[in-house]
């Protein structure tokens, strides 16, 4: 999908806007998927089908379409400062999740 450019406002129906807190979780899940795909790719796997499978699960989990996901990314990117703040929250969410998977190193 192409970027509409800085002078074009993305118009999506208000009821199609994914609320910020849900968007944070959605983006955190999407980044987790991308990390899993990088690992699979580094192990020599063809990740096209795997990526389609993961993203189908993601969109099913949030009950949205790929198109709605893309539209919302464009919507949130309209305000770069707000988008940076959104991603700071996504990063905090990922850091919190990581705490559940990383075993502390004992001395």
PDB file of N, CA and C in Angstrom:
ATOM      1  N   UNK A   1       0.847  -1.161   0.000  1.00  0.00           N
ATOM      2  CA  UNK A   1       0.000   0.000   0.000  1.00  0.00           C
ATOM      3  C   UNK A   1       0.894   1.225   0.000  1.00  0.00           C
ATOM      4  N   UNK A   2       0.569   2.224  -0.791  1.00  0.00           N
ATOM      5  CA  UNK A   2       1.402   3.404  -0.864  1.00  0.00           C
ATOM      6  C   UNK A   2       1.007   4.423   0.179  1.00  0.00           C
ATOM      7  N   UNK A   3       1.974   5.234   0.558  1.00  0.00           N
ATOM      8  CA  UNK A   3       1.751   6.286   1.531  1.00  0.00           C
ATOM      9  C   UNK A   3       0.976   7.406   0.845  1.00  0.00           C
ATOM     10  N   UNK A   4      -0.122   7.902   1.452  1.00  0.00           N
ATOM     11  CA  UNK A   4      -0.914   8.936   0.807  1.00  0.00           C
ATOM     12  C   UNK A   4      -0.211  10.279   0.754  1.00  0.00           C
ATOM     13  N   UNK A   5       0.901  10.449   1.464  1.00  0.00           N
ATOM     14  CA  UNK A   5       1.623  11.709   1.457  1.00  0.00           C
ATOM     15  C   UNK A   5       1.201  12.591   2.605  1.00  0.00           C
ATOM     16  N   UNK A   6       2.015  13.619   2.903  1.00  0.00           N
ATOM     17  CA  UNK A   6       1.753  14.440   4.079  1.00  0.00           C
ATOM     18  C   UNK A   6       0.543  15.352   3.961  1.00  0.00           C
ATOM     19  N   UNK A   7       0.116  15.693   2.749  1.00  0.00           N
ATOM     20  CA  UNK A   7      -0.989  16.632   2.583  1.00  0.00           C
ATOM     21  C   UNK A   7      -2.341  15.956   2.435  1.00  0.00           C
ATOM     22  N   UNK A   8      -2.356  14.631   2.447  1.00  0.00           N
ATOM     23  CA  UNK A   8      -3.601  13.902   2.256  1.00  0.00           C
ATOM     24  C   UNK A   8      -4.055  13.339   3.596  1.00  0.00           C
ATOM     25  N   UNK A   9      -5.263  13.699   4.005  1.00  0.00           N
ATOM     26  CA  UNK A   9      -5.799  13.156   5.241  1.00  0.00           C
ATOM     27  C   UNK A   9      -6.459  11.820   4.946  1.00  0.00           C
ATOM     28  N   UNK A  10      -6.196  10.865   5.806  1.00  0.00           N
ATOM     29  CA  UNK A  10      -6.796   9.549   5.652  1.00  0.00           C
ATOM     30  C   UNK A  10      -8.205   9.633   6.214  1.00  0.00           C
ATOM     31  N   UNK A  11      -9.164   9.291   5.379  1.00  0.00           N
ATOM     32  CA  UNK A  11     -10.558   9.356   5.806  1.00  0.00           C
ATOM     33  C   UNK A  11     -11.091   7.947   5.967  1.00  0.00           C
ATOM     34  N   UNK A  12     -11.322   7.585   7.206  1.00  0.00           N
ATOM     35  CA  UNK A  12     -11.967   6.316   7.487  1.00  0.00           C
ATOM     36  C   UNK A  12     -13.128   6.606   8.416  1.00  0.00           C
ATOM     37  N   UNK A  13     -14.167   5.835   8.316  1.00  0.00           N
ATOM     38  CA  UNK A  13     -15.316   6.071   9.196  1.00  0.00           C
ATOM     39  C   UNK A  13     -14.902   5.997  10.665  1.00  0.00           C
ATOM     40  N   UNK A  14     -15.459   6.894  11.466  1.00  0.00           N
ATOM     41  CA  UNK A  14     -15.133   6.963  12.884  1.00  0.00           C
ATOM     42  C   UNK A  14     -15.300   5.612  13.572  1.00  0.00           C
ATOM     43  N   UNK A  15     -16.326   4.863  13.185  1.00  0.00           N
ATOM     44  CA  UNK A  15     -16.542   3.568  13.829  1.00  0.00           C
ATOM     45  C   UNK A  15     -15.534   2.507  13.371  1.00  0.00           C
ATOM     46  N   UNK A  16     -14.674   2.846  12.418  1.00  0.00           N
ATOM     47  CA  UNK A  16     -13.632   1.917  11.969  1.00  0.00           C
ATOM     48  C   UNK A  16     -12.284   2.192  12.613  1.00  0.00           C
ATOM     49  N   UNK A  17     -12.200   3.278  13.382  1.00  0.00           N
ATOM     50  CA  UNK A  17     -10.942   3.602  14.041  1.00  0.00           C
ATOM     51  C   UNK A  17     -10.756   2.655  15.223  1.00  0.00           C
ATOM     52  N   UNK A  18      -9.617   1.997  15.246  1.00  0.00           N
ATOM     53  CA  UNK A  18      -9.295   1.081  16.334  1.00  0.00           C
ATOM     54  C   UNK A  18      -8.860   1.938  17.517  1.00  0.00           C
ATOM     55  N   UNK A  19      -9.485   1.767  18.683  1.00  0.00           N
ATOM     56  CA  UNK A  19      -9.102   2.559  19.854  1.00  0.00           C
ATOM     57  C   UNK A  19      -7.617   2.389  20.180  1.00  0.00           C
ATOM     58  N   UNK A  20      -7.024   3.443  20.728  1.00  0.00           N
ATOM     59  CA  UNK A  20      -5.582   3.458  20.963  1.00  0.00           C
ATOM     60  C   UNK A  20      -5.089   2.254  21.766  1.00  0.00           C
ATOM     61  N   UNK A  21      -5.748   1.917  22.861  1.00  0.00           N
ATOM     62  CA  UNK A  21      -5.267   0.811  23.685  1.00  0.00           C
ATOM     63  C   UNK A  21      -5.287  -0.510  22.907  1.00  0.00           C
ATOM     64  N   UNK A  22      -6.313  -0.707  22.102  1.00  0.00           N
ATOM     65  CA  UNK A  22      -6.374  -1.920  21.283  1.00  0.00           C
ATOM     66  C   UNK A  22      -5.302  -1.871  20.199  1.00  0.00           C
ATOM     67  N   UNK A  23      -5.057  -0.695  19.647  1.00  0.00           N
ATOM     68  CA  UNK A  23      -4.044  -0.549  18.608  1.00  0.00           C
ATOM     69  C   UNK A  23      -2.657  -0.851  19.179  1.00  0.00           C
ATOM     70  N   UNK A  24      -2.416  -0.457  20.417  1.00  0.00           N
ATOM     71  CA  UNK A  24      -1.139  -0.751  21.074  1.00  0.00           C
ATOM     72  C   UNK A  24      -0.933  -2.264  21.153  1.00  0.00           C
ATOM     73  N   UNK A  25      -1.950  -2.971  21.604  1.00  0.00           N
ATOM     74  CA  UNK A  25      -1.843  -4.435  21.713  1.00  0.00           C
ATOM     75  C   UNK A  25      -1.702  -5.087  20.342  1.00  0.00           C
ATOM     76  N   UNK A  26      -2.441  -4.593  19.375  1.00  0.00           N
ATOM     77  CA  UNK A  26      -2.386  -5.105  18.006  1.00  0.00           C
ATOM     78  C   UNK A  26      -0.990  -4.926  17.420  1.00  0.00           C
ATOM     79  N   UNK A  27      -0.431  -3.730  17.581  1.00  0.00           N
ATOM     80  CA  UNK A  27       0.908  -3.478  17.050  1.00  0.00           C
ATOM     81  C   UNK A  27       1.968  -4.298  17.779  1.00  0.00           C
ATOM     82  N   UNK A  28       1.808  -4.467  19.081  1.00  0.00           N
ATOM     83  CA  UNK A  28       2.751  -5.303  19.834  1.00  0.00           C
ATOM     84  C   UNK A  28       2.690  -6.740  19.309  1.00  0.00           C
ATOM     85  N   UNK A  29       1.485  -7.232  19.062  1.00  0.00           N
ATOM     86  CA  UNK A  29       1.340  -8.583  18.497  1.00  0.00           C
ATOM     87  C   UNK A  29       1.957  -8.658  17.101  1.00  0.00           C
ATOM     88  N   UNK A  30       1.747  -7.619  16.294  1.00  0.00           N
ATOM     89  CA  UNK A  30       2.303  -7.610  14.932  1.00  0.00           C
ATOM     90  C   UNK A  30       3.830  -7.639  14.978  1.00  0.00           C
ATOM     91  N   UNK A  31       4.425  -6.907  15.908  1.00  0.00           N
ATOM     92  CA  UNK A  31       5.881  -6.908  16.020  1.00  0.00           C
ATOM     93  C   UNK A  31       6.397  -8.250  16.535  1.00  0.00           C
ATOM     94  N   UNK A  32       5.628  -8.899  17.364  1.00  0.00           N
ATOM     95  CA  UNK A  32       5.996 -10.236  17.823  1.00  0.00           C
ATOM     96  C   UNK A  32       5.977 -11.216  16.646  1.00  0.00           C
ATOM     97  N   UNK A  33       4.973 -11.082  15.801  1.00  0.00           N
ATOM     98  CA  UNK A  33       4.898 -11.910  14.588  1.00  0.00           C
ATOM     99  C   UNK A  33       6.109 -11.649  13.708  1.00  0.00           C
ATOM    100  N   UNK A  34       6.441 -10.389  13.506  1.00  0.00           N
ATOM    101  CA  UNK A  34       7.580 -10.062  12.646  1.00  0.00           C
ATOM    102  C   UNK A  34       8.879 -10.634  13.211  1.00  0.00           C
ATOM    103  N   UNK A  35       9.041 -10.601  14.519  1.00  0.00           N
ATOM    104  CA  UNK A  35      10.238 -11.188  15.139  1.00  0.00           C
ATOM    105  C   UNK A  35      10.272 -12.694  14.893  1.00  0.00           C
ATOM    106  N   UNK A  36       9.130 -13.348  15.042  1.00  0.00           N
ATOM    107  CA  UNK A  36       9.059 -14.792  14.800  1.00  0.00           C
ATOM    108  C   UNK A  36       9.395 -15.110  13.338  1.00  0.00           C
ATOM    109  N   UNK A  37       8.948 -14.273  12.429  1.00  0.00           N
ATOM    110  CA  UNK A  37       9.233 -14.490  11.009  1.00  0.00           C
ATOM    111  C   UNK A  37      10.717 -14.286  10.696  1.00  0.00           C
ATOM    112  N   UNK A  38      11.350 -13.328  11.353  1.00  0.00           N
ATOM    113  CA  UNK A  38      12.790 -13.122  11.162  1.00  0.00           C
ATOM    114  C   UNK A  38      13.554 -14.355  11.633  1.00  0.00           C
ATOM    115  N   UNK A  39      13.173 -14.878  12.784  1.00  0.00           N
ATOM    116  CA  UNK A  39      13.834 -16.083  13.305  1.00  0.00           C
ATOM    117  C   UNK A  39      13.647 -17.249  12.332  1.00  0.00           C
ATOM    118  N   UNK A  40      12.427 -17.430  11.847  1.00  0.00           N
ATOM    119  CA  UNK A  40      12.159 -18.524  10.903  1.00  0.00           C
ATOM    120  C   UNK A  40      12.948 -18.328   9.610  1.00  0.00           C
ATOM    121  N   UNK A  41      13.009 -17.089   9.128  1.00  0.00           N
ATOM    122  CA  UNK A  41      13.751 -16.795   7.897  1.00  0.00           C
ATOM    123  C   UNK A  41      15.239 -17.074   8.099  1.00  0.00           C
ATOM    124  N   UNK A  42      15.764 -16.706   9.273  1.00  0.00           N
ATOM    125  CA  UNK A  42      17.180 -16.953   9.561  1.00  0.00           C
ATOM    126  C   UNK A  42      17.494 -18.447   9.663  1.00  0.00           C
ATOM    127  N   UNK A  43      16.488 -19.231   9.940  1.00  0.00           N
ATOM    128  CA  UNK A  43      16.666 -20.687  10.005  1.00  0.00           C
ATOM    129  C   UNK A  43      16.432 -21.340   8.649  1.00  0.00           C
ATOM    130  N   UNK A  44      16.222 -20.514   7.635  1.00  0.00           N
ATOM    131  CA  UNK A  44      16.082 -21.028   6.282  1.00  0.00           C
ATOM    132  C   UNK A  44      14.665 -21.353   5.847  1.00  0.00           C
ATOM    133  N   UNK A  45      13.683 -20.994   6.626  1.00  0.00           N
ATOM    134  CA  UNK A  45      12.293 -21.292   6.278  1.00  0.00           C
ATOM    135  C   UNK A  45      11.751 -20.269   5.290  1.00  0.00           C
ATOM    136  N   UNK A  46      10.860 -20.743   4.455  1.00  0.00           N
ATOM    137  CA  UNK A  46      10.103 -19.841   3.589  1.00  0.00           C
ATOM    138  C   UNK A  46       8.956 -19.310   4.447  1.00  0.00           C
ATOM    139  N   UNK A  47       8.940 -18.036   4.663  1.00  0.00           N
ATOM    140  CA  UNK A  47       8.009 -17.477   5.645  1.00  0.00           C
ATOM    141  C   UNK A  47       6.724 -16.921   5.044  1.00  0.00           C
ATOM    142  N   UNK A  48       6.555 -17.029   3.752  1.00  0.00           N
ATOM    143  CA  UNK A  48       5.340 -16.467   3.138  1.00  0.00           C
ATOM    144  C   UNK A  48       4.070 -17.098   3.723  1.00  0.00           C
ATOM    145  N   UNK A  49       3.990 -18.414   3.682  1.00  0.00           N
ATOM    146  CA  UNK A  49       2.798 -19.096   4.208  1.00  0.00           C
ATOM    147  C   UNK A  49       2.684 -18.918   5.721  1.00  0.00           C
ATOM    148  N   UNK A  50       3.810 -18.981   6.406  1.00  0.00           N
ATOM    149  CA  UNK A  50       3.806 -18.808   7.851  1.00  0.00           C
ATOM    150  C   UNK A  50       3.312 -17.404   8.219  1.00  0.00           C
ATOM    151  N   UNK A  51       3.792 -16.405   7.486  1.00  0.00           N
ATOM    152  CA  UNK A  51       3.352 -15.030   7.721  1.00  0.00           C
ATOM    153  C   UNK A  51       1.861 -14.870   7.477  1.00  0.00           C
ATOM    154  N   UNK A  52       1.370 -15.458   6.402  1.00  0.00           N
ATOM    155  CA  UNK A  52      -0.068 -15.397   6.122  1.00  0.00           C
ATOM    156  C   UNK A  52      -0.869 -16.057   7.244  1.00  0.00           C
ATOM    157  N   UNK A  53      -0.363 -17.183   7.730  1.00  0.00           N
ATOM    158  CA  UNK A  53      -1.025 -17.898   8.818  1.00  0.00           C
ATOM    159  C   UNK A  53      -1.057 -17.046  10.091  1.00  0.00           C
ATOM    160  N   UNK A  54       0.093 -16.499  10.451  1.00  0.00           N
ATOM    161  CA  UNK A  54       0.174 -15.670  11.672  1.00  0.00           C
ATOM    162  C   UNK A  54      -0.731 -14.444  11.576  1.00  0.00           C
ATOM    163  N   UNK A  55      -0.670 -13.762  10.441  1.00  0.00           N
ATOM    164  CA  UNK A  55      -1.476 -12.541  10.306  1.00  0.00           C
ATOM    165  C   UNK A  55      -2.967 -12.848  10.230  1.00  0.00           C
ATOM    166  N   UNK A  56      -3.327 -13.982   9.653  1.00  0.00           N
ATOM    167  CA  UNK A  56      -4.744 -14.379   9.666  1.00  0.00           C
ATOM    168  C   UNK A  56      -5.205 -14.567  11.108  1.00  0.00           C
ATOM    169  N   UNK A  57      -4.345 -15.175  11.930  1.00  0.00           N
ATOM    170  CA  UNK A  57      -4.667 -15.331  13.346  1.00  0.00           C
ATOM    171  C   UNK A  57      -4.764 -13.994  14.055  1.00  0.00           C
ATOM    172  N   UNK A  58      -3.845 -13.085  13.737  1.00  0.00           N
ATOM    173  CA  UNK A  58      -3.860 -11.754  14.348  1.00  0.00           C
ATOM    174  C   UNK A  58      -5.149 -11.016  14.012  1.00  0.00           C
ATOM    175  N   UNK A  59      -5.495 -11.007  12.729  1.00  0.00           N
ATOM    176  CA  UNK A  59      -6.703 -10.289  12.313  1.00  0.00           C
ATOM    177  C   UNK A  59      -7.951 -10.957  12.868  1.00  0.00           C
ATOM    178  N   UNK A  60      -7.924 -12.267  12.993  1.00  0.00           N
ATOM    179  CA  UNK A  60      -9.046 -12.966  13.612  1.00  0.00           C
ATOM    180  C   UNK A  60      -9.173 -12.630  15.085  1.00  0.00           C
ATOM    181  N   UNK A  61      -8.038 -12.569  15.776  1.00  0.00           N
ATOM    182  CA  UNK A  61      -8.035 -12.250  17.212  1.00  0.00           C
ATOM    183  C   UNK A  61      -8.686 -10.897  17.466  1.00  0.00           C
ATOM    184  N   UNK A  62      -8.373  -9.920  16.623  1.00  0.00           N
ATOM    185  CA  UNK A  62      -8.901  -8.565  16.816  1.00  0.00           C
ATOM    186  C   UNK A  62     -10.162  -8.290  15.994  1.00  0.00           C
ATOM    187  N   UNK A  63     -10.588  -9.311  15.267  1.00  0.00           N
ATOM    188  CA  UNK A  63     -11.801  -9.214  14.444  1.00  0.00           C
ATOM    189  C   UNK A  63     -11.766  -8.016  13.500  1.00  0.00           C
ATOM    190  N   UNK A  64     -10.654  -7.929  12.774  1.00  0.00           N
ATOM    191  CA  UNK A  64     -10.485  -6.867  11.789  1.00  0.00           C
ATOM    192  C   UNK A  64      -9.959  -7.478  10.499  1.00  0.00           C
ATOM    193  N   UNK A  65     -10.050  -6.718   9.440  1.00  0.00           N
ATOM    194  CA  UNK A  65      -9.494  -7.145   8.153  1.00  0.00           C
ATOM    195  C   UNK A  65      -8.107  -6.521   7.986  1.00  0.00           C
ATOM    196  N   UNK A  66      -7.348  -7.076   7.069  1.00  0.00           N
ATOM    197  CA  UNK A  66      -6.040  -6.500   6.734  1.00  0.00           C
ATOM    198  C   UNK A  66      -6.216  -5.055   6.276  1.00  0.00           C
ATOM    199  N   UNK A  67      -7.273  -4.800   5.519  1.00  0.00           N
ATOM    200  CA  UNK A  67      -7.540  -3.447   5.027  1.00  0.00           C
ATOM    201  C   UNK A  67      -7.781  -2.476   6.186  1.00  0.00           C
ATOM    202  N   UNK A  68      -8.561  -2.899   7.167  1.00  0.00           N
ATOM    203  CA  UNK A  68      -8.829  -2.026   8.313  1.00  0.00           C
ATOM    204  C   UNK A  68      -7.539  -1.768   9.096  1.00  0.00           C
ATOM    205  N   UNK A  69      -6.711  -2.773   9.221  1.00  0.00           N
ATOM    206  CA  UNK A  69      -5.413  -2.622   9.876  1.00  0.00           C
ATOM    207  C   UNK A  69      -4.577  -1.569   9.156  1.00  0.00           C
ATOM    208  N   UNK A  70      -4.464  -1.696   7.836  1.00  0.00           N
ATOM    209  CA  UNK A  70      -3.684  -0.751   7.042  1.00  0.00           C
ATOM    210  C   UNK A  70      -4.266   0.664   7.134  1.00  0.00           C
ATOM    211  N   UNK A  71      -5.589   0.779   7.061  1.00  0.00           N
ATOM    212  CA  UNK A  71      -6.227   2.084   7.163  1.00  0.00           C
ATOM    213  C   UNK A  71      -5.932   2.740   8.503  1.00  0.00           C
ATOM    214  N   UNK A  72      -5.948   1.954   9.557  1.00  0.00           N
ATOM    215  CA  UNK A  72      -5.684   2.503  10.879  1.00  0.00           C
ATOM    216  C   UNK A  72      -4.225   2.899  11.037  1.00  0.00           C
ATOM    217  N   UNK A  73      -3.315   2.141  10.468  1.00  0.00           N
ATOM    218  CA  UNK A  73      -1.909   2.560  10.492  1.00  0.00           C
ATOM    219  C   UNK A  73      -1.770   3.929   9.831  1.00  0.00           C
ATOM    220  N   UNK A  74      -2.411   4.093   8.691  1.00  0.00           N
ATOM    221  CA  UNK A  74      -2.359   5.382   7.987  1.00  0.00           C
ATOM    222  C   UNK A  74      -3.004   6.481   8.830  1.00  0.00           C
ATOM    223  N   UNK A  75      -4.119   6.171   9.447  1.00  0.00           N
ATOM    224  CA  UNK A  75      -4.816   7.147  10.284  1.00  0.00           C
ATOM    225  C   UNK A  75      -3.916   7.608  11.434  1.00  0.00           C
ATOM    226  N   UNK A  76      -3.311   6.662  12.138  1.00  0.00           N
ATOM    227  CA  UNK A  76      -2.474   7.014  13.282  1.00  0.00           C
ATOM    228  C   UNK A  76      -1.188   7.714  12.849  1.00  0.00           C
ATOM    229  N   UNK A  77      -0.706   7.444  11.649  1.00  0.00           N
ATOM    230  CA  UNK A  77       0.510   8.106  11.154  1.00  0.00           C
ATOM    231  C   UNK A  77       0.271   9.541  10.736  1.00  0.00           C
ATOM    232  N   UNK A  78      -0.981   9.954  10.620  1.00  0.00           N
ATOM    233  CA  UNK A  78      -1.290  11.336  10.215  1.00  0.00           C
ATOM    234  C   UNK A  78      -0.651  12.361  11.137  1.00  0.00           C
ATOM    235  N   UNK A  79      -0.556  12.026  12.414  1.00  0.00           N
ATOM    236  CA  UNK A  79       0.036  12.930  13.402  1.00  0.00           C
ATOM    237  C   UNK A  79       1.330  12.283  13.892  1.00  0.00           C
ATOM    238  N   UNK A  80       2.468  12.674  13.315  1.00  0.00           N
ATOM    239  CA  UNK A  80       3.731  12.008  13.663  1.00  0.00           C
ATOM    240  C   UNK A  80       4.061  12.045  15.155  1.00  0.00           C
ATOM    241  N   UNK A  81       3.788  13.155  15.829  1.00  0.00           N
ATOM    242  CA  UNK A  81       4.086  13.226  17.267  1.00  0.00           C
ATOM    243  C   UNK A  81       3.230  12.236  18.047  1.00  0.00           C
ATOM    244  N   UNK A  82       1.957  12.153  17.711  1.00  0.00           N
ATOM    245  CA  UNK A  82       1.065  11.202  18.381  1.00  0.00           C
ATOM    246  C   UNK A  82       1.478   9.768  18.042  1.00  0.00           C
ATOM    247  N   UNK A  83       1.947   9.553  16.811  1.00  0.00           N
ATOM    248  CA  UNK A  83       2.376   8.212  16.395  1.00  0.00           C
ATOM    249  C   UNK A  83       3.611   7.780  17.181  1.00  0.00           C
ATOM    250  N   UNK A  84       4.521   8.710  17.415  1.00  0.00           N
ATOM    251  CA  UNK A  84       5.711   8.405  18.222  1.00  0.00           C
ATOM    252  C   UNK A  84       5.283   8.030  19.635  1.00  0.00           C
ATOM    253  N   UNK A  85       4.349   8.771  20.201  1.00  0.00           N
ATOM    254  CA  UNK A  85       3.862   8.464  21.552  1.00  0.00           C
ATOM    255  C   UNK A  85       3.159   7.111  21.585  1.00  0.00           C
ATOM    256  N   UNK A  86       2.406   6.809  20.520  1.00  0.00           N
ATOM    257  CA  UNK A  86       1.756   5.500  20.423  1.00  0.00           C
ATOM    258  C   UNK A  86       2.814   4.397  20.446  1.00  0.00           C
ATOM    259  N   UNK A  87       3.885   4.585  19.666  1.00  0.00           N
ATOM    260  CA  UNK A  87       4.926   3.570  19.610  1.00  0.00           C
ATOM    261  C   UNK A  87       5.740   3.471  20.890  1.00  0.00           C
ATOM    262  N   UNK A  88       5.819   4.544  21.639  1.00  0.00           N
ATOM    263  CA  UNK A  88       6.450   4.456  22.966  1.00  0.00           C
ATOM    264  C   UNK A  88       5.631   3.511  23.848  1.00  0.00           C
ATOM    265  N   UNK A  89       4.323   3.579  23.718  1.00  0.00           N
ATOM    266  CA  UNK A  89       3.439   2.680  24.483  1.00  0.00           C
ATOM    267  C   UNK A  89       3.549   1.247  23.969  1.00  0.00           C
ATOM    268  N   UNK A  90       3.681   1.087  22.662  1.00  0.00           N
ATOM    269  CA  UNK A  90       3.877  -0.246  22.089  1.00  0.00           C
ATOM    270  C   UNK A  90       5.182  -0.834  22.634  1.00  0.00           C
ATOM    271  N   UNK A  91       6.221  -0.024  22.660  1.00  0.00           N
ATOM    272  CA  UNK A  91       7.507  -0.484  23.181  1.00  0.00           C
ATOM    273  C   UNK A  91       7.392  -0.900  24.648  1.00  0.00           C
ATOM    274  N   UNK A  92       6.698  -0.111  25.455  1.00  0.00           N
ATOM    275  CA  UNK A  92       6.511  -0.475  26.870  1.00  0.00           C
ATOM    276  C   UNK A  92       5.755  -1.798  26.989  1.00  0.00           C
ATOM    277  N   UNK A  93       4.751  -1.989  26.137  1.00  0.00           N
ATOM    278  CA  UNK A  93       3.997  -3.242  26.144  1.00  0.00           C
ATOM    279  C   UNK A  93       4.908  -4.421  25.816  1.00  0.00           C
ATOM    280  N   UNK A  94       5.769  -4.246  24.821  1.00  0.00           N
ATOM    281  CA  UNK A  94       6.686  -5.324  24.445  1.00  0.00           C
ATOM    282  C   UNK A  94       7.694  -5.612  25.558  1.00  0.00           C
ATOM    283  N   UNK A  95       8.174  -4.582  26.225  1.00  0.00           N
ATOM    284  CA  UNK A  95       9.104  -4.771  27.334  1.00  0.00           C
ATOM    285  C   UNK A  95       8.420  -5.538  28.464  1.00  0.00           C
ATOM    286  N   UNK A  96       7.177  -5.204  28.765  1.00  0.00           N
ATOM    287  CA  UNK A  96       6.429  -5.926  29.802  1.00  0.00           C
ATOM    288  C   UNK A  96       6.243  -7.391  29.419  1.00  0.00           C
ATOM    289  N   UNK A  97       5.922  -7.632  28.163  1.00  0.00           N
ATOM    290  CA  UNK A  97       5.757  -9.009  27.702  1.00  0.00           C
ATOM    291  C   UNK A  97       7.058  -9.785  27.807  1.00  0.00           C
ATOM    292  N   UNK A  98       8.154  -9.115  27.475  1.00  0.00           N
ATOM    293  CA  UNK A  98       9.453  -9.775  27.505  1.00  0.00           C
ATOM    294  C   UNK A  98       9.788 -10.266  28.913  1.00  0.00           C
ATOM    295  N   UNK A  99       9.357  -9.540  29.913  1.00  0.00           N
ATOM    296  CA  UNK A  99       9.624  -9.938  31.303  1.00  0.00           C
ATOM    297  C   UNK A  99       9.045 -11.314  31.608  1.00  0.00           C
ATOM    298  N   UNK A 100       7.997 -11.691  30.902  1.00  0.00           N
ATOM    299  CA  UNK A 100       7.382 -12.999  31.101  1.00  0.00           C
ATOM    300  C   UNK A 100       8.159 -14.131  30.429  1.00  0.00           C
ATOM    301  N   UNK A 101       9.080 -13.787  29.531  1.00  0.00           N
ATOM    302  CA  UNK A 101       9.788 -14.810  28.766  1.00  0.00           C
ATOM    303  C   UNK A 101      11.274 -14.888  29.054  1.00  0.00           C
ATOM    304  N   UNK A 102      11.814 -13.857  29.645  1.00  0.00           N
ATOM    305  CA  UNK A 102      13.257 -13.815  29.881  1.00  0.00           C
ATOM    306  C   UNK A 102      13.510 -14.182  31.339  1.00  0.00           C
ATOM    307  N   UNK A 103      14.281 -15.236  31.512  1.00  0.00           N
ATOM    308  CA  UNK A 103      14.625 -15.670  32.863  1.00  0.00           C
ATOM    309  C   UNK A 103      15.801 -14.822  33.347  1.00  0.00           C
ATOM    310  N   UNK A 104      15.660 -14.228  34.524  1.00  0.00           N
ATOM    311  CA  UNK A 104      16.778 -13.420  35.043  1.00  0.00           C
ATOM    312  C   UNK A 104      18.038 -14.271  35.223  1.00  0.00           C
ATOM    313  N   UNK A 105      19.165 -13.677  34.941  1.00  0.00           N
ATOM    314  CA  UNK A 105      20.438 -14.358  35.101  1.00  0.00           C
ATOM    315  C   UNK A 105      20.799 -14.314  36.576  1.00  0.00           C
ATOM    316  N   UNK A 106      21.089 -15.485  37.137  1.00  0.00           N
ATOM    317  CA  UNK A 106      21.479 -15.515  38.541  1.00  0.00           C
ATOM    318  C   UNK A 106      22.987 -15.455  38.659  1.00  0.00           C
ATOM    319  N   UNK A 107      23.439 -14.819  39.705  1.00  0.00           N
ATOM    320  CA  UNK A 107      24.898 -14.659  39.911  1.00  0.00           C
ATOM    321  C   UNK A 107      25.532 -15.902  40.437  1.00  0.00           C
TER     322      UNK A 107
END
